[in-house]
Amino acid sequence: MQSQVRSQYRGLLRAINTVFGKDMVAKVGAQQTARAEMDKNRGLVDPAQIGKLIDEMEDVRSFILTQVVQAEVNEDSTHVVLKPKQRHSTDAKTPSEAGNSNFNG
């Protein structure tokens, strides 16, 4: 089960790096939050609780990849330009990529 936890944690860190890219404040904050959660749950031994946390990490990874959009100010500082990010996971699509035209978030 330890290998599953490590794998899921690495996947979460990759998602954070992919989405937040050059936004160091957001990236470092998300990395610190992920690390704090890992440290908080380090002593867990119950397989059911560990499995639940693995599932929750996957949910967070998926949310970051599909629901978070970074923006950059253009060179003349007059417009914000949304920058779509390359996704590393084939199942991690934005709502528009998934064909959801009713997305309100």
N, C-alpha and C. Protein backbone atom coordinates (compact mmCIF):
# COMPACT_ATOMS: atom_id res chain seq x y z
N MET A 1 0.82 -1.18 0.00
CA MET A 1 0.00 0.00 0.00
C MET A 1 0.87 1.27 0.00
N GLN A 2 2.08 1.17 0.58
CA GLN A 2 2.98 2.33 0.58
C GLN A 2 3.31 2.79 -0.83
N SER A 3 3.50 1.83 -1.74
CA SER A 3 3.83 2.21 -3.11
C SER A 3 2.66 2.95 -3.78
N GLN A 4 1.43 2.58 -3.45
CA GLN A 4 0.27 3.27 -3.99
C GLN A 4 0.21 4.71 -3.48
N VAL A 5 0.51 4.88 -2.20
CA VAL A 5 0.51 6.23 -1.60
C VAL A 5 1.57 7.08 -2.28
N ARG A 6 2.79 6.54 -2.42
CA ARG A 6 3.86 7.31 -3.06
C ARG A 6 3.53 7.64 -4.50
N SER A 7 2.99 6.68 -5.22
CA SER A 7 2.62 6.90 -6.62
C SER A 7 1.56 7.99 -6.75
N GLN A 8 0.56 7.93 -5.89
CA GLN A 8 -0.51 8.93 -5.94
C GLN A 8 0.02 10.30 -5.56
N TYR A 9 0.91 10.37 -4.58
CA TYR A 9 1.51 11.63 -4.16
C TYR A 9 2.34 12.22 -5.29
N ARG A 10 3.14 11.40 -5.95
CA ARG A 10 3.93 11.89 -7.10
C ARG A 10 3.02 12.39 -8.21
N GLY A 11 1.91 11.69 -8.46
CA GLY A 11 0.96 12.15 -9.46
C GLY A 11 0.35 13.49 -9.10
N LEU A 12 0.06 13.68 -7.82
CA LEU A 12 -0.47 14.96 -7.35
C LEU A 12 0.56 16.07 -7.56
N LEU A 13 1.81 15.82 -7.23
CA LEU A 13 2.86 16.82 -7.43
C LEU A 13 3.05 17.15 -8.91
N ARG A 14 2.96 16.13 -9.77
CA ARG A 14 3.06 16.39 -11.22
C ARG A 14 1.91 17.27 -11.69
N ALA A 15 0.71 17.01 -11.19
CA ALA A 15 -0.45 17.84 -11.56
C ALA A 15 -0.24 19.28 -11.11
N ILE A 16 0.26 19.45 -9.90
CA ILE A 16 0.53 20.80 -9.38
C ILE A 16 1.54 21.50 -10.27
N ASN A 17 2.62 20.82 -10.61
CA ASN A 17 3.65 21.43 -11.47
C ASN A 17 3.13 21.74 -12.86
N THR A 18 2.29 20.87 -13.39
CA THR A 18 1.74 21.07 -14.73
C THR A 18 0.83 22.29 -14.78
N VAL A 19 -0.07 22.37 -13.83
CA VAL A 19 -1.09 23.42 -13.88
C VAL A 19 -0.55 24.77 -13.42
N PHE A 20 0.22 24.79 -12.36
CA PHE A 20 0.67 26.07 -11.84
C PHE A 20 1.93 26.59 -12.50
N GLY A 21 2.67 25.74 -13.19
CA GLY A 21 3.81 26.16 -13.99
C GLY A 21 4.70 27.20 -13.35
N LYS A 22 4.70 28.40 -13.92
CA LYS A 22 5.58 29.48 -13.48
C LYS A 22 5.00 30.29 -12.32
N ASP A 23 3.79 30.01 -11.92
CA ASP A 23 3.17 30.72 -10.80
C ASP A 23 3.72 30.12 -9.51
N MET A 24 4.86 30.62 -9.09
CA MET A 24 5.58 30.04 -7.97
C MET A 24 4.80 30.15 -6.65
N VAL A 25 4.06 31.20 -6.46
CA VAL A 25 3.29 31.35 -5.22
C VAL A 25 2.25 30.23 -5.13
N ALA A 26 1.49 30.05 -6.19
CA ALA A 26 0.46 29.01 -6.19
C ALA A 26 1.08 27.62 -6.14
N LYS A 27 2.15 27.42 -6.91
CA LYS A 27 2.79 26.10 -6.96
C LYS A 27 3.36 25.72 -5.60
N VAL A 28 4.12 26.61 -4.99
CA VAL A 28 4.73 26.31 -3.69
C VAL A 28 3.66 26.12 -2.63
N GLY A 29 2.62 26.95 -2.67
CA GLY A 29 1.53 26.80 -1.70
C GLY A 29 0.84 25.45 -1.82
N ALA A 30 0.57 25.04 -3.05
CA ALA A 30 -0.08 23.74 -3.26
C ALA A 30 0.83 22.59 -2.85
N GLN A 31 2.12 22.70 -3.16
CA GLN A 31 3.08 21.67 -2.76
C GLN A 31 3.17 21.58 -1.24
N GLN A 32 3.20 22.72 -0.56
CA GLN A 32 3.27 22.73 0.90
C GLN A 32 2.02 22.12 1.52
N THR A 33 0.86 22.42 0.93
CA THR A 33 -0.38 21.85 1.44
C THR A 33 -0.39 20.33 1.26
N ALA A 34 0.04 19.86 0.09
CA ALA A 34 0.11 18.42 -0.16
C ALA A 34 1.06 17.75 0.83
N ARG A 35 2.22 18.34 1.05
CA ARG A 35 3.20 17.79 1.99
C ARG A 35 2.64 17.78 3.41
N ALA A 36 1.97 18.85 3.82
CA ALA A 36 1.40 18.92 5.17
C ALA A 36 0.35 17.82 5.37
N GLU A 37 -0.46 17.56 4.36
CA GLU A 37 -1.46 16.49 4.46
C GLU A 37 -0.79 15.12 4.55
N MET A 38 0.28 14.93 3.79
CA MET A 38 1.02 13.66 3.87
C MET A 38 1.60 13.49 5.27
N ASP A 39 2.20 14.53 5.80
CA ASP A 39 2.79 14.46 7.14
C ASP A 39 1.73 14.21 8.21
N LYS A 40 0.57 14.85 8.07
CA LYS A 40 -0.51 14.71 9.03
C LYS A 40 -1.00 13.26 9.11
N ASN A 41 -0.97 12.57 7.97
CA ASN A 41 -1.50 11.21 7.91
C ASN A 41 -0.42 10.14 7.89
N ARG A 42 0.81 10.51 8.18
CA ARG A 42 1.94 9.59 8.12
C ARG A 42 1.76 8.34 8.99
N GLY A 43 1.16 8.47 10.15
CA GLY A 43 1.06 7.35 11.08
C GLY A 43 -0.11 6.42 10.85
N LEU A 44 -0.90 6.64 9.83
CA LEU A 44 -2.06 5.77 9.58
C LEU A 44 -1.62 4.34 9.27
N VAL A 45 -2.35 3.38 9.84
CA VAL A 45 -2.07 1.98 9.55
C VAL A 45 -3.30 1.23 9.06
N ASP A 46 -4.47 1.81 9.26
CA ASP A 46 -5.71 1.16 8.84
C ASP A 46 -5.82 1.18 7.31
N PRO A 47 -5.83 0.02 6.67
CA PRO A 47 -5.90 -0.03 5.20
C PRO A 47 -7.12 0.69 4.61
N ALA A 48 -8.24 0.66 5.31
CA ALA A 48 -9.44 1.33 4.80
C ALA A 48 -9.24 2.85 4.79
N GLN A 49 -8.66 3.39 5.86
CA GLN A 49 -8.40 4.83 5.91
C GLN A 49 -7.35 5.23 4.86
N ILE A 50 -6.33 4.42 4.72
CA ILE A 50 -5.29 4.71 3.73
C ILE A 50 -5.89 4.68 2.33
N GLY A 51 -6.72 3.68 2.06
CA GLY A 51 -7.38 3.60 0.75
C GLY A 51 -8.25 4.81 0.47
N LYS A 52 -8.95 5.28 1.50
CA LYS A 52 -9.79 6.47 1.35
C LYS A 52 -8.93 7.69 1.01
N LEU A 53 -7.80 7.83 1.68
CA LEU A 53 -6.91 8.96 1.40
C LEU A 53 -6.28 8.87 0.01
N ILE A 54 -5.98 7.66 -0.45
CA ILE A 54 -5.48 7.48 -1.82
C ILE A 54 -6.53 7.97 -2.81
N ASP A 55 -7.78 7.58 -2.58
CA ASP A 55 -8.87 8.03 -3.46
C ASP A 55 -9.03 9.54 -3.42
N GLU A 56 -8.89 10.12 -2.23
CA GLU A 56 -9.01 11.57 -2.10
C GLU A 56 -7.87 12.28 -2.84
N MET A 57 -6.66 11.73 -2.78
CA MET A 57 -5.54 12.33 -3.52
C MET A 57 -5.82 12.30 -5.02
N GLU A 58 -6.41 11.21 -5.50
CA GLU A 58 -6.76 11.13 -6.92
C GLU A 58 -7.81 12.17 -7.26
N ASP A 59 -8.79 12.37 -6.38
CA ASP A 59 -9.81 13.39 -6.61
C ASP A 59 -9.18 14.78 -6.70
N VAL A 60 -8.24 15.07 -5.81
CA VAL A 60 -7.58 16.38 -5.82
C VAL A 60 -6.76 16.55 -7.09
N ARG A 61 -6.02 15.50 -7.47
CA ARG A 61 -5.22 15.55 -8.70
C ARG A 61 -6.11 15.82 -9.91
N SER A 62 -7.21 15.09 -9.98
CA SER A 62 -8.14 15.26 -11.10
C SER A 62 -8.74 16.66 -11.10
N PHE A 63 -9.12 17.16 -9.93
CA PHE A 63 -9.68 18.51 -9.83
C PHE A 63 -8.68 19.55 -10.32
N ILE A 64 -7.45 19.44 -9.86
CA ILE A 64 -6.43 20.41 -10.28
C ILE A 64 -6.26 20.38 -11.80
N LEU A 65 -6.21 19.20 -12.37
CA LEU A 65 -6.00 19.08 -13.81
C LEU A 65 -7.20 19.52 -14.64
N THR A 66 -8.40 19.40 -14.09
CA THR A 66 -9.59 19.67 -14.91
C THR A 66 -10.31 20.96 -14.59
N GLN A 67 -10.12 21.50 -13.39
CA GLN A 67 -10.91 22.66 -12.99
C GLN A 67 -10.10 23.93 -12.75
N VAL A 68 -8.80 23.83 -12.63
CA VAL A 68 -7.98 25.01 -12.34
C VAL A 68 -7.42 25.55 -13.65
N VAL A 69 -7.61 26.85 -13.87
CA VAL A 69 -7.09 27.51 -15.06
C VAL A 69 -6.21 28.66 -14.61
N GLN A 70 -5.01 28.72 -15.12
CA GLN A 70 -4.09 29.81 -14.81
C GLN A 70 -4.24 30.89 -15.87
N ALA A 71 -4.00 32.12 -15.47
CA ALA A 71 -4.07 33.24 -16.39
C ALA A 71 -2.78 34.04 -16.31
N GLU A 72 -2.45 34.70 -17.40
CA GLU A 72 -1.28 35.57 -17.44
C GLU A 72 -1.68 36.90 -18.02
N VAL A 73 -1.09 37.98 -17.53
CA VAL A 73 -1.33 39.30 -18.08
C VAL A 73 -0.47 39.44 -19.33
N ASN A 74 -1.07 39.99 -20.41
CA ASN A 74 -0.29 40.12 -21.64
C ASN A 74 0.78 41.21 -21.49
N GLU A 75 1.61 41.35 -22.50
CA GLU A 75 2.78 42.23 -22.43
C GLU A 75 2.44 43.68 -22.11
N ASP A 76 1.32 44.19 -22.63
CA ASP A 76 0.99 45.60 -22.37
C ASP A 76 0.10 45.76 -21.13
N SER A 77 -0.08 44.69 -20.38
CA SER A 77 -0.82 44.69 -19.11
C SER A 77 -2.26 45.15 -19.24
N THR A 78 -2.86 44.96 -20.41
CA THR A 78 -4.24 45.40 -20.59
C THR A 78 -5.24 44.25 -20.57
N HIS A 79 -4.80 43.03 -20.81
CA HIS A 79 -5.71 41.90 -20.87
C HIS A 79 -5.11 40.71 -20.14
N VAL A 80 -5.99 39.94 -19.57
CA VAL A 80 -5.58 38.67 -18.97
C VAL A 80 -5.83 37.59 -20.02
N VAL A 81 -4.84 36.77 -20.23
CA VAL A 81 -4.92 35.71 -21.23
C VAL A 81 -4.92 34.38 -20.50
N LEU A 82 -5.96 33.59 -20.72
CA LEU A 82 -6.00 32.26 -20.14
C LEU A 82 -5.03 31.38 -20.89
N LYS A 83 -4.22 30.66 -20.16
CA LYS A 83 -3.22 29.79 -20.75
C LYS A 83 -3.62 28.34 -20.52
N PRO A 84 -4.12 27.65 -21.55
CA PRO A 84 -4.42 26.24 -21.36
C PRO A 84 -3.12 25.48 -21.11
N LYS A 85 -3.20 24.52 -20.24
CA LYS A 85 -2.02 23.73 -19.89
C LYS A 85 -2.10 22.37 -20.57
N GLN A 86 -0.94 21.83 -20.90
CA GLN A 86 -0.91 20.47 -21.40
C GLN A 86 -1.21 19.53 -20.25
N ARG A 87 -2.07 18.59 -20.48
CA ARG A 87 -2.43 17.64 -19.44
C ARG A 87 -1.64 16.36 -19.66
N HIS A 88 -1.12 15.80 -18.58
CA HIS A 88 -0.33 14.58 -18.67
C HIS A 88 -1.17 13.32 -18.57
N SER A 89 -2.41 13.46 -18.22
CA SER A 89 -3.26 12.30 -18.04
C SER A 89 -4.33 12.28 -19.12
N THR A 90 -4.50 11.15 -19.75
CA THR A 90 -5.48 11.05 -20.83
C THR A 90 -6.90 11.19 -20.32
N ASP A 91 -7.13 10.89 -19.03
CA ASP A 91 -8.48 11.01 -18.50
C ASP A 91 -8.72 12.37 -17.86
N ALA A 92 -7.73 13.24 -17.88
CA ALA A 92 -7.88 14.55 -17.27
C ALA A 92 -8.17 15.58 -18.34
N LYS A 93 -9.45 15.80 -18.58
CA LYS A 93 -9.87 16.75 -19.60
C LYS A 93 -10.59 17.90 -18.95
N THR A 94 -10.44 19.07 -19.56
CA THR A 94 -11.22 20.21 -19.09
C THR A 94 -12.67 19.98 -19.49
N PRO A 95 -13.62 20.66 -18.86
CA PRO A 95 -15.02 20.47 -19.24
C PRO A 95 -15.27 20.73 -20.72
N SER A 96 -14.59 21.73 -21.32
CA SER A 96 -14.80 21.99 -22.75
C SER A 96 -14.21 20.86 -23.60
N GLU A 97 -13.09 20.28 -23.16
CA GLU A 97 -12.51 19.16 -23.90
C GLU A 97 -13.40 17.93 -23.81
N ALA A 98 -14.12 17.82 -22.69
CA ALA A 98 -15.01 16.68 -22.48
C ALA A 98 -16.35 16.89 -23.17
N GLY A 99 -16.56 18.08 -23.76
CA GLY A 99 -17.80 18.34 -24.47
C GLY A 99 -18.92 18.81 -23.56
N ASN A 100 -18.59 19.32 -22.39
CA ASN A 100 -19.62 19.80 -21.46
C ASN A 100 -19.88 21.27 -21.70
N SER A 101 -20.89 21.55 -22.50
CA SER A 101 -21.19 22.95 -22.83
C SER A 101 -21.99 23.63 -21.73
N ASN A 102 -22.44 22.88 -20.70
CA ASN A 102 -23.22 23.45 -19.62
C ASN A 102 -22.36 23.78 -18.40
N PHE A 103 -21.06 23.80 -18.56
CA PHE A 103 -20.17 24.06 -17.44
C PHE A 103 -20.36 25.47 -16.94
N ASN A 104 -20.58 25.62 -15.64
CA ASN A 104 -20.81 26.94 -15.06
C ASN A 104 -19.73 27.32 -14.08
N GLY A 105 -18.61 26.62 -14.02
CA GLY A 105 -17.61 26.90 -13.00
C GLY A 105 -16.44 27.52 -13.57
